[in-house]
């Protein structure tokens, strides 16, 4: 099965290239700021399935650049989905917990009311709507707190800061499921294959790591597995203001994904040691 991947150097795109013989397109081959070019690429390569692992992910920057974020996260996925519908092939798109308002403590179900807190979440929700409007065979896979040995993410930041400092203050009132990029990639490939066999599985699904944890407790586990002695001090979100408001509750109900695709929530602690080792091996 020939899979076309939008994105080349991002966390999930890197893992997709490690796990399968995919054709990965960087910005030079398909700029998401040009939705028509993305659709043309699909029609040109005519793959068996398409996975969109690229996005505008600068959450704070999006507050002042919502137009670009919406073009990349909203219009481009819609154009991709339309091209896939024209070819009759599956389209898998990665979305985010940021489409919710982060209230409460219960895990978000796939059909829970959305309510983005900022520009990034609004742009991703626009992408979901555009994909649904395009029709065709597709899965919108919402995920959260992506981590790997590549790109910029919380694990890499903690390892760097933990080596420089004896004590760190970390937000403790935001809770979610860290999700290894390698597991997201494997899920996307499995979903693509299953959609080809059974297009009726199209829809919106959730996929995040388990167990749910606060950023502060996630940092503690990173330091524990890395053998670092950096102390973590809990602070509230209000003590660490950012341009874009983060959801307090990013817990996600992933039961539909398990039921329809046989894909269970991965235990992020199992992948964390591998991620830490790879990052340490890359460090001069």
Protein backbone atom coordinates (compact mmCIF):
# COMPACT_ATOMS: atom_id res chain seq x y z
CA UNK A 1 0.00 0.00 0.00
CA UNK A 2 1.53 3.30 -1.12
CA UNK A 3 0.95 5.99 1.52
CA UNK A 4 1.47 9.69 0.87
CA UNK A 5 2.42 11.67 3.98
CA UNK A 6 2.19 15.42 4.33
CA UNK A 7 5.08 16.40 6.56
CA UNK A 8 8.64 15.14 6.55
CA UNK A 9 10.58 16.35 9.58
CA UNK A 10 7.84 16.54 12.23
CA UNK A 11 7.55 14.05 15.06
CA UNK A 12 4.85 11.80 13.57
CA UNK A 13 6.10 12.16 9.99
CA UNK A 14 9.57 11.04 11.09
CA UNK A 15 8.11 7.97 12.79
CA UNK A 16 5.96 7.15 9.75
CA UNK A 17 9.09 7.09 7.61
CA UNK A 18 10.77 4.80 10.12
CA UNK A 19 7.89 2.35 10.19
CA UNK A 20 6.81 2.15 6.55
CA UNK A 21 7.90 2.85 3.00
CA UNK A 22 5.93 6.06 2.65
CA UNK A 23 6.33 9.06 0.34
CA UNK A 24 6.80 12.04 2.66
CA UNK A 25 6.36 15.56 1.29
CA UNK A 26 8.12 18.55 2.82
CA UNK A 27 7.14 22.17 2.31
CA UNK A 28 9.10 22.31 -0.94
CA UNK A 29 6.93 19.57 -2.42
CA UNK A 30 3.60 20.63 -0.88
CA UNK A 31 3.21 23.90 1.02
CA UNK A 32 0.20 23.73 3.33
CA UNK A 33 -0.19 27.47 2.91
CA UNK A 34 -1.24 26.60 -0.66
CA UNK A 35 -4.21 24.21 -0.31
CA UNK A 36 -4.60 23.79 -4.08
CA UNK A 37 -0.99 22.58 -4.34
CA UNK A 38 -1.67 19.97 -1.65
CA UNK A 39 -4.68 18.65 -3.57
CA UNK A 40 -2.65 18.63 -6.80
CA UNK A 41 0.09 16.57 -5.13
CA UNK A 42 -2.43 13.89 -4.16
CA UNK A 43 -3.89 13.77 -7.66
CA UNK A 44 -0.38 13.62 -9.13
CA UNK A 45 0.99 10.80 -6.94
CA UNK A 46 -2.32 8.88 -6.76
CA UNK A 47 -1.43 6.96 -3.57
CA UNK A 48 -3.47 4.24 -1.88
CA UNK A 49 -3.96 6.43 1.20
CA UNK A 50 -2.98 9.86 2.55
CA UNK A 51 -1.90 10.80 6.08
CA UNK A 52 -1.69 14.47 7.01
CA UNK A 53 1.00 14.70 9.69
CA UNK A 54 1.82 18.36 9.01
CA UNK A 55 0.32 21.37 10.77
CA UNK A 56 0.81 24.88 12.07
CA UNK A 57 1.66 23.99 15.68
CA UNK A 58 3.04 27.27 17.08
CA UNK A 59 0.19 27.66 19.56
CA UNK A 60 1.23 31.04 20.97
CA UNK A 61 2.27 32.48 17.61
CA UNK A 62 -1.12 31.56 16.16
CA UNK A 63 -2.76 34.16 18.40
CA UNK A 64 -1.25 36.85 16.18
CA UNK A 65 -1.27 34.89 12.94
CA UNK A 66 -4.64 33.16 12.90
CA UNK A 67 -5.07 33.64 9.15
CA UNK A 68 -2.02 31.54 8.33
CA UNK A 69 -2.88 28.97 10.99
CA UNK A 70 -6.37 28.59 9.56
CA UNK A 71 -5.05 28.23 6.01
CA UNK A 72 -2.59 25.50 7.06
CA UNK A 73 -4.76 23.72 9.63
CA UNK A 74 -8.16 24.40 8.09
CA UNK A 75 -8.21 24.97 4.34
CA UNK A 76 -5.32 22.65 3.41
CA UNK A 77 -6.75 19.54 5.10
CA UNK A 78 -10.09 20.28 3.47
CA UNK A 79 -8.43 20.39 0.05
CA UNK A 80 -6.57 17.16 0.79
CA UNK A 81 -9.78 15.45 1.85
CA UNK A 82 -11.52 16.62 -1.32
CA UNK A 83 -8.76 15.20 -3.52
CA UNK A 84 -8.87 11.90 -1.63
CA UNK A 85 -12.64 11.76 -2.04
CA UNK A 86 -12.21 12.31 -5.78
CA UNK A 87 -9.80 9.36 -5.95
CA UNK A 88 -11.81 7.18 -3.57
CA UNK A 89 -8.89 6.69 -1.15
CA UNK A 90 -8.67 7.00 2.65
CA UNK A 91 -7.54 10.23 4.29
CA UNK A 92 -6.20 10.27 7.88
CA UNK A 93 -5.81 13.64 9.56
CA UNK A 94 -4.29 14.42 12.96
CA UNK A 95 -6.22 16.85 15.12
CA UNK A 96 -5.94 17.89 18.76
CA UNK A 97 -7.43 18.13 22.22
CA UNK A 98 -7.30 21.92 21.76
CA UNK A 99 -10.66 21.80 19.97
CA UNK A 100 -12.19 21.47 23.47
CA UNK A 101 -12.39 24.14 26.17
CA UNK A 102 -10.56 22.06 28.76
CA UNK A 103 -13.27 22.31 31.41
CA UNK A 104 -14.16 19.64 33.96
CA UNK A 105 -12.25 16.48 34.74
CA UNK A 106 -14.06 13.81 32.67
CA UNK A 107 -12.38 12.46 29.52
CA UNK A 108 -13.65 14.13 26.35
CA UNK A 109 -15.78 11.89 24.15
CA UNK A 110 -15.57 12.25 20.39
CA UNK A 111 -19.02 13.82 20.22
CA UNK A 112 -18.56 16.20 23.16
CA UNK A 113 -19.25 19.88 22.39
CA UNK A 114 -16.18 21.66 21.08
CA UNK A 115 -15.08 25.08 22.28
CA UNK A 116 -11.51 26.10 21.41
CA UNK A 117 -9.84 28.55 23.76
CA UNK A 118 -7.61 30.15 21.13
CA UNK A 119 -6.59 30.57 17.50
CA UNK A 120 -4.75 27.25 17.21
CA UNK A 121 -7.75 25.28 18.43
CA UNK A 122 -10.09 27.22 16.17
CA UNK A 123 -7.85 26.54 13.16
CA UNK A 124 -7.78 22.80 13.89
CA UNK A 125 -11.55 22.72 14.36
CA UNK A 126 -11.91 24.47 10.99
CA UNK A 127 -9.87 21.65 9.47
CA UNK A 128 -12.17 19.05 10.98
CA UNK A 129 -15.22 20.82 9.53
CA UNK A 130 -13.62 21.08 6.10
CA UNK A 131 -12.76 17.38 6.05
CA UNK A 132 -16.28 16.41 7.06
CA UNK A 133 -17.71 18.67 4.36
CA UNK A 134 -15.50 17.05 1.71
CA UNK A 135 -17.06 13.64 2.29
CA UNK A 136 -15.20 10.54 1.25
CA UNK A 137 -13.44 7.97 3.42
CA UNK A 138 -11.61 9.70 6.25
CA UNK A 139 -10.60 9.56 9.89
CA UNK A 140 -9.93 12.59 12.05
CA UNK A 141 -7.65 11.37 14.85
CA UNK A 142 -7.44 13.75 17.78
CA UNK A 143 -4.36 13.30 19.91
CA UNK A 144 -2.48 15.17 22.63
CA UNK A 145 0.90 15.96 24.19
CA UNK A 146 2.98 14.40 21.40
CA UNK A 147 6.51 13.36 22.41
CA UNK A 148 9.46 11.73 20.68
CA UNK A 149 13.20 12.08 20.25
CA UNK A 150 12.61 14.46 17.33
CA UNK A 151 11.57 18.08 16.96
CA UNK A 152 10.54 20.23 19.91
CA UNK A 153 8.60 18.64 22.76
CA UNK A 154 8.27 18.46 26.52
CA UNK A 155 10.62 15.51 27.04
CA UNK A 156 13.49 17.20 25.21
CA UNK A 157 12.89 20.46 27.07
CA UNK A 158 12.86 18.75 30.47
CA UNK A 159 16.06 16.83 29.78
CA UNK A 160 17.82 20.04 28.75
CA UNK A 161 16.56 22.11 31.66
CA UNK A 162 17.00 19.28 34.15
CA UNK A 163 20.68 19.09 33.26
CA UNK A 164 21.08 22.83 33.80
CA UNK A 165 19.10 23.34 37.00
CA UNK A 166 18.51 21.69 40.37
CA UNK A 167 14.89 22.80 40.62
CA UNK A 168 12.09 23.49 38.14
CA UNK A 169 8.58 24.88 38.60
CA UNK A 170 6.09 22.98 36.41
CA UNK A 171 2.36 23.46 35.85
CA UNK A 172 0.37 20.89 37.84
CA UNK A 173 -3.24 21.78 37.05
CA UNK A 174 -3.22 20.77 33.38
CA UNK A 175 -3.87 17.05 32.91
CA UNK A 176 -3.68 14.93 29.76
CA UNK A 177 -2.23 11.88 28.09
CA UNK A 178 1.32 12.10 26.73
CA UNK A 179 1.37 10.30 23.38
CA UNK A 180 4.54 8.86 21.79
CA UNK A 181 4.81 9.81 18.12
CA UNK A 182 5.79 6.24 17.28
CA UNK A 183 2.42 5.01 18.55
CA UNK A 184 0.53 7.70 16.64
CA UNK A 185 2.35 6.68 13.45
CA UNK A 186 1.54 3.00 13.99
CA UNK A 187 -2.10 3.88 14.66
CA UNK A 188 -2.32 5.96 11.46
CA UNK A 189 -0.89 3.16 9.33
CA UNK A 190 -3.25 0.61 10.85
CA UNK A 191 -6.24 2.90 10.38
CA UNK A 192 -5.31 3.57 6.75
CA UNK A 193 -5.22 -0.16 6.00
CA UNK A 194 -8.48 -0.81 7.81
CA UNK A 195 -10.24 2.08 6.05
CA UNK A 196 -9.32 0.63 2.68
CA UNK A 197 -11.01 -2.61 3.70
CA UNK A 198 -13.96 -0.99 5.46
CA UNK A 199 -14.73 2.66 4.61
CA UNK A 200 -17.66 2.59 7.06
CA UNK A 201 -15.13 3.08 9.87
CA UNK A 202 -14.77 6.71 8.77
CA UNK A 203 -15.31 9.27 11.51
CA UNK A 204 -13.68 11.17 14.35
CA UNK A 205 -11.65 9.29 16.97
CA UNK A 206 -9.39 9.96 19.93
CA UNK A 207 -5.95 8.52 20.59
CA UNK A 208 -3.75 9.50 23.53
CA UNK A 209 -1.31 7.82 25.86
CA UNK A 210 -2.13 6.44 29.28
CA UNK A 211 -2.20 7.05 32.16
CA UNK A 212 -3.38 10.66 32.23
CA UNK A 213 -0.96 12.83 34.17
CA UNK A 214 -0.17 16.45 34.98
CA UNK A 215 2.77 18.20 33.35
CA UNK A 216 4.50 18.27 36.73
CA UNK A 217 4.11 14.54 37.32
CA UNK A 218 5.13 13.87 33.71
CA UNK A 219 8.34 15.82 34.39
CA UNK A 220 8.99 13.78 37.53
CA UNK A 221 8.73 10.54 35.55
CA UNK A 222 11.07 11.90 32.88
CA UNK A 223 13.67 12.75 35.50
CA UNK A 224 13.19 9.42 37.25
CA UNK A 225 13.73 7.41 34.09
CA UNK A 226 16.67 9.61 33.05
CA UNK A 227 18.32 9.22 36.46
CA UNK A 228 18.28 12.98 37.07
CA UNK A 229 17.87 14.59 40.48
CA UNK A 230 16.16 17.82 39.42
CA UNK A 231 13.38 18.75 41.86
CA UNK A 232 9.91 19.51 40.45
CA UNK A 233 7.79 22.11 42.24
CA UNK A 234 4.08 22.25 41.37
CA UNK A 235 2.65 25.59 40.23
CA UNK A 236 -0.78 26.62 38.89
CA UNK A 237 -1.29 27.68 35.29
CA UNK A 238 -1.87 31.24 36.52
CA UNK A 239 1.79 31.39 37.59
CA UNK A 240 2.99 30.65 34.05
CA UNK A 241 1.01 32.93 31.70
CA UNK A 242 1.23 32.37 27.94
CA UNK A 243 -0.29 34.26 24.96
CA UNK A 244 -2.58 31.31 24.22
CA UNK A 245 -4.65 29.75 26.97
CA UNK A 246 -4.04 26.01 27.44
CA UNK A 247 -6.85 23.56 28.25
CA UNK A 248 -6.76 22.37 31.86
CA UNK A 249 -8.43 19.06 31.03
CA UNK A 250 -6.98 17.22 28.04
CA UNK A 251 -8.16 13.77 29.09
CA UNK A 252 -9.59 11.92 26.08
CA UNK A 253 -12.00 9.01 25.85
CA UNK A 254 -10.32 6.66 23.36
CA UNK A 255 -12.76 3.76 23.68
CA UNK A 256 -14.17 4.19 20.16
CA UNK A 257 -10.69 3.79 18.67
CA UNK A 258 -10.19 0.55 20.56
CA UNK A 259 -13.64 -0.75 19.66
CA UNK A 260 -13.56 0.06 15.93
CA UNK A 261 -9.87 -0.38 15.11
CA UNK A 262 -8.51 -2.61 17.89
CA UNK A 263 -5.99 0.08 18.85
CA UNK A 264 -5.58 0.59 22.60
CA UNK A 265 -4.11 3.55 24.44
CA UNK A 266 -0.33 3.08 24.68
CA UNK A 267 1.38 3.31 28.08
CA UNK A 268 3.65 6.30 27.45
CA UNK A 269 5.98 5.21 30.26
CA UNK A 270 7.08 2.23 28.18
CA UNK A 271 8.17 4.38 25.24
CA UNK A 272 9.66 7.11 27.43
CA UNK A 273 12.85 5.20 28.26
CA UNK A 274 13.51 4.60 24.56
CA UNK A 275 12.86 8.27 23.76
CA UNK A 276 15.19 9.40 26.55
CA UNK A 277 17.94 7.05 25.40
CA UNK A 278 17.69 8.26 21.81
CA UNK A 279 17.81 11.90 22.87
CA UNK A 280 20.84 11.23 25.08
CA UNK A 281 22.57 9.41 22.24
CA UNK A 282 22.04 12.47 20.02
CA UNK A 283 23.52 14.84 22.61
CA UNK A 284 27.20 15.72 21.97
